[in-house]
Amino acid sequence: MLARTLKMTVVALALGATVPTFAETLAIDGQVAVKPAGIETPQRGSSMSAVEQKFGAPANKSGPVGNPPITKWFYPNFVVVFENDKVLHAVVVSS
């Protein structure tokens, strides 16, 4: 039993070593996106006004949909998803 536990620990450590520590992997709507470390995005929980103050006006906005209202703001390098007026997610757009 100890040998099996040790073997599984080694396998888990080996798999963990292959995951890059410099990027964040996100799965949204069935698509996987990797957030490069060099692109700054809004922090989760930030208000719409704080995002606009820090990053400027978005290139485009989608209107609120659903309940609670979900709104998307589109910037050149990322998309911000809001629930009500707070950041829910920020996703880097890959080119």
PDB file of N, CA and C in Angstrom:
ATOM      1  N   MET A   1       0.827  -1.197   0.000  1.00  0.00           N
ATOM      2  CA  MET A   1       0.000   0.000   0.000  1.00  0.00           C
ATOM      3  C   MET A   1       0.866   1.253   0.000  1.00  0.00           C
ATOM      4  N   LEU A   2       1.938   1.250   0.763  1.00  0.00           N
ATOM      5  CA  LEU A   2       2.833   2.393   0.825  1.00  0.00           C
ATOM      6  C   LEU A   2       3.505   2.633  -0.527  1.00  0.00           C
ATOM      7  N   ALA A   3       3.858   1.545  -1.212  1.00  0.00           N
ATOM      8  CA  ALA A   3       4.489   1.672  -2.524  1.00  0.00           C
ATOM      9  C   ALA A   3       3.520   2.310  -3.519  1.00  0.00           C
ATOM     10  N   ARG A   4       2.265   1.933  -3.466  1.00  0.00           N
ATOM     11  CA  ARG A   4       1.255   2.516  -4.370  1.00  0.00           C
ATOM     12  C   ARG A   4       1.069   4.012  -4.079  1.00  0.00           C
ATOM     13  N   THR A   5       1.001   4.365  -2.814  1.00  0.00           N
ATOM     14  CA  THR A   5       0.851   5.768  -2.423  1.00  0.00           C
ATOM     15  C   THR A   5       2.047   6.583  -2.885  1.00  0.00           C
ATOM     16  N   LEU A   6       3.238   6.043  -2.696  1.00  0.00           N
ATOM     17  CA  LEU A   6       4.459   6.724  -3.130  1.00  0.00           C
ATOM     18  C   LEU A   6       4.477   6.897  -4.645  1.00  0.00           C
ATOM     19  N   LYS A   7       4.065   5.849  -5.369  1.00  0.00           N
ATOM     20  CA  LYS A   7       4.021   5.906  -6.835  1.00  0.00           C
ATOM     21  C   LYS A   7       3.034   6.976  -7.310  1.00  0.00           C
ATOM     22  N   MET A   8       1.859   7.041  -6.697  1.00  0.00           N
ATOM     23  CA  MET A   8       0.855   8.029  -7.084  1.00  0.00           C
ATOM     24  C   MET A   8       1.333   9.447  -6.767  1.00  0.00           C
ATOM     25  N   THR A   9       2.060   9.605  -5.674  1.00  0.00           N
ATOM     26  CA  THR A   9       2.609  10.912  -5.315  1.00  0.00           C
ATOM     27  C   THR A   9       3.627  11.365  -6.346  1.00  0.00           C
ATOM     28  N   VAL A  10       4.483  10.466  -6.790  1.00  0.00           N
ATOM     29  CA  VAL A  10       5.483  10.790  -7.811  1.00  0.00           C
ATOM     30  C   VAL A  10       4.797  11.166  -9.119  1.00  0.00           C
ATOM     31  N   VAL A  11       3.772  10.437  -9.502  1.00  0.00           N
ATOM     32  CA  VAL A  11       3.030  10.743 -10.729  1.00  0.00           C
ATOM     33  C   VAL A  11       2.371  12.121 -10.621  1.00  0.00           C
ATOM     34  N   ALA A  12       1.755  12.416  -9.487  1.00  0.00           N
ATOM     35  CA  ALA A  12       1.093  13.712  -9.296  1.00  0.00           C
ATOM     36  C   ALA A  12       2.105  14.848  -9.359  1.00  0.00           C
ATOM     37  N   LEU A  13       3.258  14.665  -8.747  1.00  0.00           N
ATOM     38  CA  LEU A  13       4.295  15.695  -8.795  1.00  0.00           C
ATOM     39  C   LEU A  13       4.818  15.892 -10.207  1.00  0.00           C
ATOM     40  N   ALA A  14       4.983  14.809 -10.952  1.00  0.00           N
ATOM     41  CA  ALA A  14       5.460  14.903 -12.338  1.00  0.00           C
ATOM     42  C   ALA A  14       4.449  15.647 -13.204  1.00  0.00           C
ATOM     43  N   LEU A  15       3.177  15.354 -13.026  1.00  0.00           N
ATOM     44  CA  LEU A  15       2.150  16.056 -13.800  1.00  0.00           C
ATOM     45  C   LEU A  15       2.076  17.520 -13.411  1.00  0.00           C
ATOM     46  N   GLY A  16       2.212  17.813 -12.146  1.00  0.00           N
ATOM     47  CA  GLY A  16       2.187  19.198 -11.678  1.00  0.00           C
ATOM     48  C   GLY A  16       3.364  19.999 -12.200  1.00  0.00           C
ATOM     49  N   ALA A  17       4.484  19.356 -12.424  1.00  0.00           N
ATOM     50  CA  ALA A  17       5.672  20.051 -12.922  1.00  0.00           C
ATOM     51  C   ALA A  17       5.522  20.479 -14.373  1.00  0.00           C
ATOM     52  N   THR A  18       4.594  19.868 -15.111  1.00  0.00           N
ATOM     53  CA  THR A  18       4.426  20.209 -16.520  1.00  0.00           C
ATOM     54  C   THR A  18       3.492  21.394 -16.743  1.00  0.00           C
ATOM     55  N   VAL A  19       2.792  21.835 -15.706  1.00  0.00           N
ATOM     56  CA  VAL A  19       1.863  22.956 -15.838  1.00  0.00           C
ATOM     57  C   VAL A  19       2.641  24.267 -15.751  1.00  0.00           C
ATOM     58  N   PRO A  20       2.510  25.155 -16.741  1.00  0.00           N
ATOM     59  CA  PRO A  20       3.248  26.417 -16.670  1.00  0.00           C
ATOM     60  C   PRO A  20       2.764  27.275 -15.517  1.00  0.00           C
ATOM     61  N   THR A  21       3.694  27.892 -14.822  1.00  0.00           N
ATOM     62  CA  THR A  21       3.337  28.719 -13.678  1.00  0.00           C
ATOM     63  C   THR A  21       3.213  30.183 -14.057  1.00  0.00           C
ATOM     64  N   PHE A  22       3.444  30.518 -15.309  1.00  0.00           N
ATOM     65  CA  PHE A  22       3.438  31.909 -15.736  1.00  0.00           C
ATOM     66  C   PHE A  22       2.174  32.298 -16.477  1.00  0.00           C
ATOM     67  N   ALA A  23       1.197  31.420 -16.531  1.00  0.00           N
ATOM     68  CA  ALA A  23      -0.029  31.718 -17.261  1.00  0.00           C
ATOM     69  C   ALA A  23      -1.220  31.137 -16.510  1.00  0.00           C
ATOM     70  N   GLU A  24      -2.392  31.677 -16.806  1.00  0.00           N
ATOM     71  CA  GLU A  24      -3.629  31.198 -16.228  1.00  0.00           C
ATOM     72  C   GLU A  24      -4.451  30.608 -17.356  1.00  0.00           C
ATOM     73  N   THR A  25      -4.935  29.378 -17.202  1.00  0.00           N
ATOM     74  CA  THR A  25      -5.735  28.725 -18.226  1.00  0.00           C
ATOM     75  C   THR A  25      -7.198  28.822 -17.845  1.00  0.00           C
ATOM     76  N   LEU A  26      -8.021  29.293 -18.777  1.00  0.00           N
ATOM     77  CA  LEU A  26      -9.447  29.459 -18.539  1.00  0.00           C
ATOM     78  C   LEU A  26     -10.235  28.709 -19.593  1.00  0.00           C
ATOM     79  N   ALA A  27     -11.334  28.100 -19.214  1.00  0.00           N
ATOM     80  CA  ALA A  27     -12.245  27.466 -20.161  1.00  0.00           C
ATOM     81  C   ALA A  27     -13.564  28.222 -20.109  1.00  0.00           C
ATOM     82  N   ILE A  28     -13.922  28.850 -21.238  1.00  0.00           N
ATOM     83  CA  ILE A  28     -15.148  29.635 -21.299  1.00  0.00           C
ATOM     84  C   ILE A  28     -15.893  29.270 -22.575  1.00  0.00           C
ATOM     85  N   ASP A  29     -17.146  28.932 -22.434  1.00  0.00           N
ATOM     86  CA  ASP A  29     -17.993  28.547 -23.568  1.00  0.00           C
ATOM     87  C   ASP A  29     -17.332  27.462 -24.410  1.00  0.00           C
ATOM     88  N   GLY A  30     -16.698  26.499 -23.750  1.00  0.00           N
ATOM     89  CA  GLY A  30     -16.089  25.383 -24.460  1.00  0.00           C
ATOM     90  C   GLY A  30     -14.763  25.688 -25.118  1.00  0.00           C
ATOM     91  N   GLN A  31     -14.243  26.894 -24.965  1.00  0.00           N
ATOM     92  CA  GLN A  31     -12.961  27.262 -25.552  1.00  0.00           C
ATOM     93  C   GLN A  31     -11.960  27.497 -24.438  1.00  0.00           C
ATOM     94  N   VAL A  32     -10.723  27.091 -24.674  1.00  0.00           N
ATOM     95  CA  VAL A  32      -9.667  27.272 -23.688  1.00  0.00           C
ATOM     96  C   VAL A  32      -8.840  28.481 -24.069  1.00  0.00           C
ATOM     97  N   ALA A  33      -8.603  29.355 -23.113  1.00  0.00           N
ATOM     98  CA  ALA A  33      -7.793  30.550 -23.345  1.00  0.00           C
ATOM     99  C   ALA A  33      -6.690  30.594 -22.297  1.00  0.00           C
ATOM    100  N   VAL A  34      -5.497  30.999 -22.711  1.00  0.00           N
ATOM    101  CA  VAL A  34      -4.379  31.152 -21.793  1.00  0.00           C
ATOM    102  C   VAL A  34      -4.110  32.630 -21.618  1.00  0.00           C
ATOM    103  N   LYS A  35      -4.097  33.076 -20.382  1.00  0.00           N
ATOM    104  CA  LYS A  35      -3.857  34.486 -20.090  1.00  0.00           C
ATOM    105  C   LYS A  35      -2.359  34.698 -19.906  1.00  0.00           C
ATOM    106  N   PRO A  36      -1.694  35.340 -20.860  1.00  0.00           N
ATOM    107  CA  PRO A  36      -0.267  35.619 -20.688  1.00  0.00           C
ATOM    108  C   PRO A  36      -0.046  36.565 -19.517  1.00  0.00           C
ATOM    109  N   ALA A  37       1.077  36.410 -18.851  1.00  0.00           N
ATOM    110  CA  ALA A  37       1.370  37.203 -17.664  1.00  0.00           C
ATOM    111  C   ALA A  37       1.565  38.677 -17.986  1.00  0.00           C
ATOM    112  N   GLY A  38       1.903  39.020 -19.237  1.00  0.00           N
ATOM    113  CA  GLY A  38       2.229  40.399 -19.588  1.00  0.00           C
ATOM    114  C   GLY A  38       1.044  41.310 -19.844  1.00  0.00           C
ATOM    115  N   ILE A  39      -0.176  40.799 -19.851  1.00  0.00           N
ATOM    116  CA  ILE A  39      -1.349  41.623 -20.142  1.00  0.00           C
ATOM    117  C   ILE A  39      -2.121  41.858 -18.846  1.00  0.00           C
ATOM    118  N   GLU A  40      -2.217  43.131 -18.466  1.00  0.00           N
ATOM    119  CA  GLU A  40      -2.946  43.479 -17.251  1.00  0.00           C
ATOM    120  C   GLU A  40      -4.438  43.517 -17.547  1.00  0.00           C
ATOM    121  N   THR A  41      -5.208  42.936 -16.648  1.00  0.00           N
ATOM    122  CA  THR A  41      -6.665  42.938 -16.769  1.00  0.00           C
ATOM    123  C   THR A  41      -7.265  43.396 -15.441  1.00  0.00           C
ATOM    124  N   PRO A  42      -8.532  43.805 -15.453  1.00  0.00           N
ATOM    125  CA  PRO A  42      -9.175  44.236 -14.206  1.00  0.00           C
ATOM    126  C   PRO A  42      -9.292  43.090 -13.208  1.00  0.00           C
ATOM    127  N   GLN A  43      -9.242  43.440 -11.944  1.00  0.00           N
ATOM    128  CA  GLN A  43      -9.391  42.460 -10.869  1.00  0.00           C
ATOM    129  C   GLN A  43     -10.860  42.121 -10.662  1.00  0.00           C
ATOM    130  N   ARG A  44     -11.119  40.873 -10.322  1.00  0.00           N
ATOM    131  CA  ARG A  44     -12.474  40.433 -10.023  1.00  0.00           C
ATOM    132  C   ARG A  44     -13.034  41.277  -8.878  1.00  0.00           C
ATOM    133  N   GLY A  45     -14.274  41.724  -9.027  1.00  0.00           N
ATOM    134  CA  GLY A  45     -14.923  42.529  -8.000  1.00  0.00           C
ATOM    135  C   GLY A  45     -14.794  44.028  -8.206  1.00  0.00           C
ATOM    136  N   SER A  46     -13.953  44.456  -9.168  1.00  0.00           N
ATOM    137  CA  SER A  46     -13.823  45.896  -9.449  1.00  0.00           C
ATOM    138  C   SER A  46     -15.120  46.426 -10.041  1.00  0.00           C
ATOM    139  N   SER A  47     -15.392  47.691  -9.807  1.00  0.00           N
ATOM    140  CA  SER A  47     -16.617  48.297 -10.342  1.00  0.00           C
ATOM    141  C   SER A  47     -16.400  48.727 -11.794  1.00  0.00           C
ATOM    142  N   MET A  48     -17.502  48.942 -12.497  1.00  0.00           N
ATOM    143  CA  MET A  48     -17.429  49.426 -13.884  1.00  0.00           C
ATOM    144  C   MET A  48     -16.687  50.753 -13.946  1.00  0.00           C
ATOM    145  N   SER A  49     -16.980  51.641 -13.011  1.00  0.00           N
ATOM    146  CA  SER A  49     -16.326  52.950 -13.044  1.00  0.00           C
ATOM    147  C   SER A  49     -14.824  52.831 -12.790  1.00  0.00           C
ATOM    148  N   ALA A  50     -14.414  51.922 -11.910  1.00  0.00           N
ATOM    149  CA  ALA A  50     -12.985  51.718 -11.654  1.00  0.00           C
ATOM    150  C   ALA A  50     -12.287  51.145 -12.889  1.00  0.00           C
ATOM    151  N   VAL A  51     -12.949  50.230 -13.592  1.00  0.00           N
ATOM    152  CA  VAL A  51     -12.374  49.649 -14.817  1.00  0.00           C
ATOM    153  C   VAL A  51     -12.222  50.727 -15.880  1.00  0.00           C
ATOM    154  N   GLU A  52     -13.255  51.530 -16.067  1.00  0.00           N
ATOM    155  CA  GLU A  52     -13.192  52.584 -17.083  1.00  0.00           C
ATOM    156  C   GLU A  52     -12.144  53.636 -16.718  1.00  0.00           C
ATOM    157  N   GLN A  53     -12.006  53.932 -15.448  1.00  0.00           N
ATOM    158  CA  GLN A  53     -11.012  54.906 -15.005  1.00  0.00           C
ATOM    159  C   GLN A  53      -9.596  54.388 -15.265  1.00  0.00           C
ATOM    160  N   LYS A  54      -9.357  53.103 -15.012  1.00  0.00           N
ATOM    161  CA  LYS A  54      -8.012  52.545 -15.160  1.00  0.00           C
ATOM    162  C   LYS A  54      -7.674  52.193 -16.601  1.00  0.00           C
ATOM    163  N   PHE A  55      -8.631  51.621 -17.357  1.00  0.00           N
ATOM    164  CA  PHE A  55      -8.356  51.103 -18.697  1.00  0.00           C
ATOM    165  C   PHE A  55      -8.956  51.951 -19.816  1.00  0.00           C
ATOM    166  N   GLY A  56      -9.731  52.967 -19.467  1.00  0.00           N
ATOM    167  CA  GLY A  56     -10.368  53.801 -20.477  1.00  0.00           C
ATOM    168  C   GLY A  56     -11.678  53.212 -20.941  1.00  0.00           C
ATOM    169  N   ALA A  57     -12.295  53.902 -21.880  1.00  0.00           N
ATOM    170  CA  ALA A  57     -13.572  53.436 -22.420  1.00  0.00           C
ATOM    171  C   ALA A  57     -13.348  52.201 -23.285  1.00  0.00           C
ATOM    172  N   PRO A  58     -14.236  51.215 -23.212  1.00  0.00           N
ATOM    173  CA  PRO A  58     -14.081  50.032 -24.049  1.00  0.00           C
ATOM    174  C   PRO A  58     -14.357  50.341 -25.513  1.00  0.00           C
ATOM    175  N   ALA A  59     -13.819  49.523 -26.399  1.00  0.00           N
ATOM    176  CA  ALA A  59     -14.060  49.678 -27.833  1.00  0.00           C
ATOM    177  C   ALA A  59     -15.516  49.380 -28.172  1.00  0.00           C
ATOM    178  N   ASN A  60     -16.136  48.473 -27.406  1.00  0.00           N
ATOM    179  CA  ASN A  60     -17.517  48.078 -27.651  1.00  0.00           C
ATOM    180  C   ASN A  60     -18.104  47.533 -26.347  1.00  0.00           C
ATOM    181  N   LYS A  61     -19.423  47.594 -26.223  1.00  0.00           N
ATOM    182  CA  LYS A  61     -20.123  47.060 -25.051  1.00  0.00           C
ATOM    183  C   LYS A  61     -21.314  46.244 -25.522  1.00  0.00           C
ATOM    184  N   SER A  62     -21.584  45.149 -24.805  1.00  0.00           N
ATOM    185  CA  SER A  62     -22.846  44.443 -25.044  1.00  0.00           C
ATOM    186  C   SER A  62     -23.773  44.808 -23.901  1.00  0.00           C
ATOM    187  N   GLY A  63     -25.044  44.978 -24.211  1.00  0.00           N
ATOM    188  CA  GLY A  63     -26.014  45.388 -23.205  1.00  0.00           C
ATOM    189  C   GLY A  63     -26.236  44.305 -22.168  1.00  0.00           C
ATOM    190  N   PRO A  64     -26.834  44.677 -21.042  1.00  0.00           N
ATOM    191  CA  PRO A  64     -27.097  43.690 -19.991  1.00  0.00           C
ATOM    192  C   PRO A  64     -28.111  42.639 -20.455  1.00  0.00           C
ATOM    193  N   VAL A  65     -27.801  41.374 -20.112  1.00  0.00           N
ATOM    194  CA  VAL A  65     -28.650  40.251 -20.496  1.00  0.00           C
ATOM    195  C   VAL A  65     -28.888  39.389 -19.265  1.00  0.00           C
ATOM    196  N   GLY A  66     -30.129  38.979 -19.047  1.00  0.00           N
ATOM    197  CA  GLY A  66     -30.446  38.030 -17.986  1.00  0.00           C
ATOM    198  C   GLY A  66     -30.664  38.661 -16.626  1.00  0.00           C
ATOM    199  N   ASN A  67     -30.807  37.769 -15.649  1.00  0.00           N
ATOM    200  CA  ASN A  67     -31.013  38.184 -14.276  1.00  0.00           C
ATOM    201  C   ASN A  67     -30.193  37.283 -13.373  1.00  0.00           C
ATOM    202  N   PRO A  68     -29.144  37.736 -12.755  1.00  0.00           N
ATOM    203  CA  PRO A  68     -28.646  39.109 -12.711  1.00  0.00           C
ATOM    204  C   PRO A  68     -28.112  39.537 -14.073  1.00  0.00           C
ATOM    205  N   PRO A  69     -28.098  40.847 -14.331  1.00  0.00           N
ATOM    206  CA  PRO A  69     -27.658  41.329 -15.634  1.00  0.00           C
ATOM    207  C   PRO A  69     -26.160  41.095 -15.850  1.00  0.00           C
ATOM    208  N   ILE A  70     -25.843  40.505 -17.007  1.00  0.00           N
ATOM    209  CA  ILE A  70     -24.456  40.245 -17.411  1.00  0.00           C
ATOM    210  C   ILE A  70     -24.136  41.167 -18.579  1.00  0.00           C
ATOM    211  N   THR A  71     -23.065  41.927 -18.456  1.00  0.00           N
ATOM    212  CA  THR A  71     -22.634  42.875 -19.478  1.00  0.00           C
ATOM    213  C   THR A  71     -21.200  42.557 -19.848  1.00  0.00           C
ATOM    214  N   LYS A  72     -20.857  42.714 -21.137  1.00  0.00           N
ATOM    215  CA  LYS A  72     -19.477  42.502 -21.590  1.00  0.00           C
ATOM    216  C   LYS A  72     -18.930  43.800 -22.154  1.00  0.00           C
ATOM    217  N   TRP A  73     -17.706  44.109 -21.783  1.00  0.00           N
ATOM    218  CA  TRP A  73     -16.979  45.233 -22.360  1.00  0.00           C
ATOM    219  C   TRP A  73     -15.801  44.670 -23.131  1.00  0.00           C
ATOM    220  N   PHE A  74     -15.628  45.141 -24.357  1.00  0.00           N
ATOM    221  CA  PHE A  74     -14.586  44.622 -25.241  1.00  0.00           C
ATOM    222  C   PHE A  74     -13.453  45.638 -25.382  1.00  0.00           C
ATOM    223  N   TYR A  75     -12.267  45.242 -24.982  1.00  0.00           N
ATOM    224  CA  TYR A  75     -11.048  46.027 -25.144  1.00  0.00           C
ATOM    225  C   TYR A  75     -10.195  45.332 -26.201  1.00  0.00           C
ATOM    226  N   PRO A  76      -9.168  45.996 -26.745  1.00  0.00           N
ATOM    227  CA  PRO A  76      -8.349  45.361 -27.795  1.00  0.00           C
ATOM    228  C   PRO A  76      -7.704  44.037 -27.378  1.00  0.00           C
ATOM    229  N   ASN A  77      -7.274  43.906 -26.123  1.00  0.00           N
ATOM    230  CA  ASN A  77      -6.560  42.700 -25.698  1.00  0.00           C
ATOM    231  C   ASN A  77      -7.336  41.786 -24.760  1.00  0.00           C
ATOM    232  N   PHE A  78      -8.499  42.241 -24.290  1.00  0.00           N
ATOM    233  CA  PHE A  78      -9.254  41.426 -23.348  1.00  0.00           C
ATOM    234  C   PHE A  78     -10.729  41.821 -23.351  1.00  0.00           C
ATOM    235  N   VAL A  79     -11.543  40.938 -22.771  1.00  0.00           N
ATOM    236  CA  VAL A  79     -12.985  41.164 -22.610  1.00  0.00           C
ATOM    237  C   VAL A  79     -13.283  41.091 -21.117  1.00  0.00           C
ATOM    238  N   VAL A  80     -14.050  42.042 -20.629  1.00  0.00           N
ATOM    239  CA  VAL A  80     -14.435  42.054 -19.217  1.00  0.00           C
ATOM    240  C   VAL A  80     -15.912  41.684 -19.125  1.00  0.00           C
ATOM    241  N   VAL A  81     -16.220  40.728 -18.263  1.00  0.00           N
ATOM    242  CA  VAL A  81     -17.601  40.298 -18.043  1.00  0.00           C
ATOM    243  C   VAL A  81     -18.026  40.796 -16.666  1.00  0.00           C
ATOM    244  N   PHE A  82     -19.115  41.545 -16.653  1.00  0.00           N
ATOM    245  CA  PHE A  82     -19.640  42.119 -15.408  1.00  0.00           C
ATOM    246  C   PHE A  82     -20.931  41.419 -15.012  1.00  0.00           C
ATOM    247  N   GLU A  83     -21.121  41.251 -13.713  1.00  0.00           N
ATOM    248  CA  GLU A  83     -22.415  40.868 -13.155  1.00  0.00           C
ATOM    249  C   GLU A  83     -22.880  42.082 -12.375  1.00  0.00           C
ATOM    250  N   ASN A  84     -24.024  42.625 -12.741  1.00  0.00           N
ATOM    251  CA  ASN A  84     -24.455  43.932 -12.256  1.00  0.00           C
ATOM    252  C   ASN A  84     -23.377  44.937 -12.643  1.00  0.00           C
ATOM    253  N   ASP A  85     -22.690  45.567 -11.687  1.00  0.00           N
ATOM    254  CA  ASP A  85     -21.641  46.514 -12.065  1.00  0.00           C
ATOM    255  C   ASP A  85     -20.264  46.077 -11.560  1.00  0.00           C
ATOM    256  N   LYS A  86     -20.104  44.785 -11.229  1.00  0.00           N
ATOM    257  CA  LYS A  86     -18.836  44.258 -10.707  1.00  0.00           C
ATOM    258  C   LYS A  86     -18.205  43.271 -11.698  1.00  0.00           C
ATOM    259  N   VAL A  87     -16.865  43.291 -11.779  1.00  0.00           N
ATOM    260  CA  VAL A  87     -16.147  42.373 -12.670  1.00  0.00           C
ATOM    261  C   VAL A  87     -16.333  40.943 -12.176  1.00  0.00           C
ATOM    262  N   LEU A  88     -16.800  40.096 -13.072  1.00  0.00           N
ATOM    263  CA  LEU A  88     -16.944  38.668 -12.799  1.00  0.00           C
ATOM    264  C   LEU A  88     -15.723  37.933 -13.348  1.00  0.00           C
ATOM    265  N   HIS A  89     -15.353  38.243 -14.622  1.00  0.00           N
ATOM    266  CA  HIS A  89     -14.197  37.641 -15.288  1.00  0.00           C
ATOM    267  C   HIS A  89     -13.566  38.663 -16.219  1.00  0.00           C
ATOM    268  N   ALA A  90     -12.282  38.498 -16.466  1.00  0.00           N
ATOM    269  CA  ALA A  90     -11.588  39.222 -17.523  1.00  0.00           C
ATOM    270  C   ALA A  90     -10.802  38.183 -18.308  1.00  0.00           C
ATOM    271  N   VAL A  91     -11.052  38.113 -19.606  1.00  0.00           N
ATOM    272  CA  VAL A  91     -10.450  37.087 -20.456  1.00  0.00           C
ATOM    273  C   VAL A  91      -9.607  37.741 -21.526  1.00  0.00           C
ATOM    274  N   VAL A  92      -8.355  37.298 -21.629  1.00  0.00           N
ATOM    275  CA  VAL A  92      -7.446  37.812 -22.655  1.00  0.00           C
ATOM    276  C   VAL A  92      -7.849  37.228 -23.996  1.00  0.00           C
ATOM    277  N   VAL A  93      -7.888  38.080 -25.021  1.00  0.00           N
ATOM    278  CA  VAL A  93      -8.236  37.660 -26.376  1.00  0.00           C
ATOM    279  C   VAL A  93      -6.968  37.240 -27.093  1.00  0.00           C
ATOM    280  N   SER A  94      -6.952  36.007 -27.584  1.00  0.00           N
ATOM    281  CA  SER A  94      -5.787  35.552 -28.333  1.00  0.00           C
ATOM    282  C   SER A  94      -5.962  35.931 -29.795  1.00  0.00           C
ATOM    283  N   SER A  95      -4.855  36.288 -30.417  1.00  0.00           N
ATOM    284  CA  SER A  95      -4.958  36.728 -31.821  1.00  0.00           C
ATOM    285  C   SER A  95      -4.617  35.632 -32.779  1.00  0.00           C
TER     286      SER A  95
END
